[in-house]
Amino acid sequence: VREAGMRGEGGGRQAAAWLSVAFASCSSSALALGAARRSALRSRAVLAARRDICRGAEGPAGSARRFAARKQSLLAERRRDGSRSGAVAGLRTQEVRWGRTMAHQEVGAEPPAEPADTIFGKIIRKEIPADIVFEDDLCLAFRDINAQAPTHILVIPKEPVTQLSKAQSQHKELLGHLLLTANKVAAIDGLDKSGYRVVINDGKDGCQSVYHLHLHILGGRQLGWPPG
């Protein structure tokens, strides 16, 4: 430009023309780059959608197994370092999206040396609130606030039996009554038509965390096998 200006007015006009062409070329390049970037983003989105479709092809049971395995791995890492990782927090959000409010991971605890009062005892005495769906003289059924399925109900005896392995012959009628109550409670949510599972955790390795005998009634979705 400086040289063109030194040559006079004609050179200045020529320099201005060159600059105009240069700016137009740069603008065209920027537009081309923007279009290429948008195309790459669209391609990435298509690939992600295809990946999600492929993952979904394995069905809810397979996806649930993958998710459960990932969660167990992260929870084990969390227990080792004693800190709450962002990954675990992210999994909690994903669990809600799955429609499975698995916010609580039940972990087996050592049985107490002596029988002790538990949260279930407080629920029986109405000292703390619960969503009770059935009650009679022998037992109580209420919805688990940390549901592992669309329907997750606990059935507990009013007699403080700590665990199934501690039940004695005198508990025979009570145990039968608990199973019949589970049958009745499952029908309240229509699970008698689709099917359901009754689970009793016993001891630390059985993942019992509250030492008051309780039956889990799980249903409302396709359950996987084997459990645990």
Protein backbone atom coordinates (compact mmCIF):
# COMPACT_ATOMS: atom_id res chain seq x y z
CA VAL A 1 0.00 0.00 0.00
CA ARG A 2 2.84 2.33 0.95
CA GLU A 3 4.54 1.73 -2.38
CA ALA A 4 1.28 2.19 -4.25
CA GLY A 5 0.63 5.44 -2.41
CA MET A 6 4.05 6.70 -3.42
CA ARG A 7 3.20 6.00 -7.06
CA GLY A 8 0.24 8.32 -6.94
CA GLU A 9 -3.53 8.23 -6.97
CA GLY A 10 -3.75 5.42 -9.53
CA GLY A 11 -1.56 3.18 -7.40
CA GLY A 12 -3.73 3.89 -4.36
CA ARG A 13 -6.86 2.75 -6.19
CA GLN A 14 -5.08 -0.41 -7.25
CA ALA A 15 -3.99 -1.11 -3.66
CA ALA A 16 -7.56 -0.61 -2.41
CA ALA A 17 -8.79 -3.10 -4.98
CA TRP A 18 -6.20 -5.62 -3.82
CA LEU A 19 -7.27 -5.17 -0.20
CA SER A 20 -10.94 -5.65 -1.13
CA VAL A 21 -10.10 -8.91 -2.89
CA ALA A 22 -8.03 -10.06 0.12
CA PHE A 23 -10.85 -9.30 2.57
CA ALA A 24 -13.39 -11.12 0.38
CA SER A 25 -11.07 -14.13 0.21
CA CYS A 26 -10.69 -14.19 4.01
CA SER A 27 -14.45 -13.93 4.50
CA SER A 28 -15.03 -16.82 2.09
CA SER A 29 -12.45 -18.92 3.96
CA ALA A 30 -14.09 -18.15 7.32
CA LEU A 31 -17.50 -19.12 5.96
CA ALA A 32 -16.07 -22.35 4.55
CA LEU A 33 -14.43 -23.18 7.89
CA GLY A 34 -17.68 -22.48 9.75
CA ALA A 35 -19.62 -24.75 7.40
CA ALA A 36 -17.02 -27.50 7.79
CA ARG A 37 -17.20 -27.20 11.58
CA ARG A 38 -21.01 -27.41 11.55
CA SER A 39 -20.82 -30.46 9.29
CA ALA A 40 -18.37 -32.15 11.67
CA LEU A 41 -20.63 -31.46 14.64
CA ARG A 42 -23.62 -32.91 12.77
CA SER A 43 -21.59 -36.02 11.91
CA ARG A 44 -20.57 -36.40 15.54
CA ALA A 45 -24.20 -36.12 16.66
CA VAL A 46 -25.26 -38.76 14.11
CA LEU A 47 -22.54 -41.13 15.33
CA ALA A 48 -23.61 -40.59 18.94
CA ALA A 49 -27.23 -41.29 18.03
CA ARG A 50 -26.24 -44.48 16.23
CA ARG A 51 -24.17 -45.57 19.21
CA ASP A 52 -27.11 -44.99 21.56
CA ILE A 53 -29.38 -46.98 19.24
CA CYS A 54 -26.90 -49.86 19.19
CA ARG A 55 -26.67 -49.80 22.96
CA GLY A 56 -30.44 -49.82 23.22
CA ALA A 57 -30.59 -52.90 20.95
CA GLU A 58 -29.34 -55.06 23.77
CA GLY A 59 -32.57 -54.37 25.62
CA PRO A 60 -33.31 -52.93 29.07
CA ALA A 61 -31.91 -55.94 30.91
CA GLY A 62 -28.51 -55.75 29.18
CA SER A 63 -28.31 -51.99 29.59
CA ALA A 64 -29.25 -52.26 33.24
CA ARG A 65 -26.51 -54.85 33.79
CA ARG A 66 -23.91 -52.56 32.20
CA PHE A 67 -25.11 -49.63 34.29
CA ALA A 68 -25.11 -51.66 37.54
CA ALA A 69 -21.58 -52.93 36.89
CA ARG A 70 -20.33 -49.38 36.26
CA LYS A 71 -21.99 -48.14 39.43
CA GLN A 72 -20.52 -50.93 41.55
CA SER A 73 -17.05 -50.07 40.24
CA LEU A 74 -17.45 -46.38 41.08
CA LEU A 75 -18.87 -47.11 44.52
CA ALA A 76 -15.92 -49.40 45.28
CA GLU A 77 -13.55 -46.59 44.27
CA ARG A 78 -15.48 -44.19 46.45
CA ARG A 79 -15.19 -46.48 49.47
CA ARG A 80 -11.44 -46.81 48.91
CA ASP A 81 -10.63 -43.12 48.80
CA GLY A 82 -13.37 -42.06 51.22
CA SER A 83 -14.51 -39.19 49.03
CA ARG A 84 -17.60 -38.52 47.03
CA SER A 85 -16.67 -38.48 43.36
CA GLY A 86 -18.43 -36.47 40.71
CA ALA A 87 -18.91 -39.65 38.71
CA VAL A 88 -21.07 -41.16 41.43
CA ALA A 89 -23.11 -37.96 41.61
CA GLY A 90 -23.55 -38.14 37.84
CA LEU A 91 -24.74 -41.70 38.10
CA ARG A 92 -27.42 -40.64 40.55
CA THR A 93 -28.80 -38.24 37.92
CA GLN A 94 -28.68 -40.95 35.28
CA GLU A 95 -30.56 -43.34 37.59
CA VAL A 96 -33.48 -40.91 37.76
CA ARG A 97 -33.54 -40.81 33.96
CA TRP A 98 -33.74 -44.59 33.94
CA GLY A 99 -36.84 -44.31 36.11
CA ARG A 100 -35.07 -46.25 38.82
CA THR A 101 -34.55 -44.17 41.92
CA MET A 102 -31.53 -46.07 43.07
CA ALA A 103 -30.22 -43.21 45.16
CA HIS A 104 -29.39 -45.56 48.00
CA GLN A 105 -26.94 -48.42 47.64
CA GLU A 106 -27.66 -50.94 50.36
CA VAL A 107 -24.43 -52.26 51.83
CA GLY A 108 -24.26 -55.28 54.11
CA ALA A 109 -23.43 -54.55 57.74
CA GLU A 110 -22.16 -56.77 60.50
CA PRO A 111 -25.00 -58.02 62.71
CA PRO A 112 -25.19 -56.38 66.14
CA ALA A 113 -23.82 -58.30 69.12
CA GLU A 114 -27.13 -57.72 70.91
CA PRO A 115 -30.60 -57.04 69.45
CA ALA A 116 -31.06 -53.30 69.07
CA ASP A 117 -33.81 -50.94 68.01
CA THR A 118 -33.85 -50.05 64.32
CA ILE A 119 -35.50 -47.58 61.98
CA PHE A 120 -38.13 -50.24 61.25
CA GLY A 121 -39.03 -50.38 64.93
CA LYS A 122 -39.59 -46.63 64.85
CA ILE A 123 -41.83 -46.99 61.79
CA ILE A 124 -43.89 -49.68 63.54
CA ARG A 125 -44.34 -47.39 66.55
CA LYS A 126 -45.20 -44.49 64.20
CA GLU A 127 -42.32 -42.44 65.56
CA ILE A 128 -41.22 -41.61 62.02
CA PRO A 129 -43.47 -41.33 58.94
CA ALA A 130 -43.75 -43.94 56.20
CA ASP A 131 -45.95 -44.56 53.17
CA ILE A 132 -47.83 -47.52 54.68
CA VAL A 133 -49.82 -49.63 52.22
CA PHE A 134 -50.90 -52.44 54.55
CA GLU A 135 -50.98 -53.20 58.26
CA ASP A 136 -52.42 -55.86 60.51
CA ASP A 137 -51.67 -57.26 63.97
CA LEU A 138 -48.57 -59.14 62.82
CA CYS A 139 -46.88 -57.06 60.16
CA LEU A 140 -46.56 -53.78 58.32
CA ALA A 141 -45.91 -52.97 54.65
CA PHE A 142 -44.65 -49.64 53.37
CA ARG A 143 -42.99 -48.23 50.27
CA ASP A 144 -39.21 -48.01 50.20
CA ILE A 145 -38.16 -44.38 49.77
CA ASN A 146 -35.02 -45.62 47.99
CA ALA A 147 -36.89 -47.73 45.47
CA GLN A 148 -34.97 -50.12 43.23
CA ALA A 149 -37.96 -50.66 40.92
CA PRO A 150 -41.19 -48.82 40.05
CA THR A 151 -42.79 -50.82 42.86
CA HIS A 152 -40.58 -51.49 45.88
CA ILE A 153 -42.41 -52.33 49.09
CA LEU A 154 -41.02 -53.65 52.35
CA VAL A 155 -42.95 -56.09 54.52
CA ILE A 156 -41.74 -56.29 58.12
CA PRO A 157 -42.96 -58.27 61.14
CA LYS A 158 -43.97 -56.33 64.22
CA GLU A 159 -42.11 -58.88 66.30
CA PRO A 160 -38.45 -57.83 66.21
CA VAL A 161 -36.90 -60.88 64.51
CA THR A 162 -33.43 -59.68 63.50
CA GLN A 163 -32.88 -61.88 60.43
CA LEU A 164 -34.18 -64.96 58.68
CA SER A 165 -31.32 -67.15 59.90
CA LYS A 166 -32.31 -66.33 63.51
CA ALA A 167 -35.93 -67.43 63.07
CA GLN A 168 -37.03 -70.40 65.17
CA SER A 169 -39.79 -72.98 64.91
CA GLN A 170 -42.15 -70.71 66.84
CA HIS A 171 -41.89 -68.21 63.98
CA LYS A 172 -43.32 -70.65 61.44
CA GLU A 173 -46.76 -69.05 61.31
CA LEU A 174 -45.27 -65.56 61.26
CA LEU A 175 -43.02 -66.37 58.30
CA GLY A 176 -45.93 -67.85 56.38
CA HIS A 177 -48.01 -64.80 57.18
CA LEU A 178 -45.27 -62.51 55.83
CA LEU A 179 -45.27 -64.35 52.48
CA LEU A 180 -49.05 -64.25 52.22
CA THR A 181 -48.93 -60.55 53.03
CA ALA A 182 -46.34 -60.05 50.28
CA ASN A 183 -48.77 -61.73 47.89
CA LYS A 184 -51.58 -59.43 49.00
CA VAL A 185 -49.46 -56.28 48.84
CA ALA A 186 -48.13 -57.12 45.37
CA ALA A 187 -51.70 -57.33 44.12
CA ILE A 188 -52.36 -53.78 45.35
CA ASP A 189 -50.00 -52.50 42.62
CA GLY A 190 -51.18 -55.05 40.07
CA LEU A 191 -47.97 -57.08 40.20
CA ASP A 192 -49.94 -60.32 40.44
CA LYS A 193 -50.67 -59.90 36.72
CA SER A 194 -47.15 -59.11 35.49
CA GLY A 195 -44.95 -60.85 38.07
CA TYR A 196 -42.62 -59.67 40.81
CA ARG A 197 -39.76 -60.73 43.05
CA VAL A 198 -39.59 -61.25 46.80
CA VAL A 199 -36.12 -60.83 48.32
CA ILE A 200 -34.86 -61.46 51.85
CA ASN A 201 -31.33 -60.29 52.58
CA ASP A 202 -29.63 -62.14 55.42
CA GLY A 203 -26.36 -61.15 57.07
CA LYS A 204 -23.46 -59.07 55.81
CA ASP A 205 -22.74 -61.11 52.68
CA GLY A 206 -26.47 -61.19 51.98
CA CYS A 207 -26.39 -57.36 51.96
CA GLN A 208 -28.59 -56.93 55.03
CA SER A 209 -28.18 -53.41 56.38
CA VAL A 210 -31.10 -53.19 58.85
CA TYR A 211 -31.25 -56.01 61.36
CA HIS A 212 -35.00 -56.32 61.51
CA LEU A 213 -36.30 -59.06 59.21
CA HIS A 214 -37.86 -57.56 56.08
CA LEU A 215 -39.09 -58.74 52.70
CA HIS A 216 -38.47 -56.68 49.57
CA ILE A 217 -41.24 -56.79 46.96
CA LEU A 218 -39.85 -55.61 43.61
CA GLY A 219 -41.79 -55.23 40.38
CA GLY A 220 -43.16 -52.97 37.71
CA ARG A 221 -40.30 -53.62 35.26
CA GLN A 222 -38.40 -56.52 33.73
CA LEU A 223 -36.00 -57.79 36.40
CA GLY A 224 -32.63 -59.28 35.54
CA TRP A 225 -31.09 -62.61 36.54
CA PRO A 226 -28.98 -63.57 38.35
CA PRO A 227 -29.43 -60.94 41.07
CA GLY A 228 -26.50 -59.57 43.02
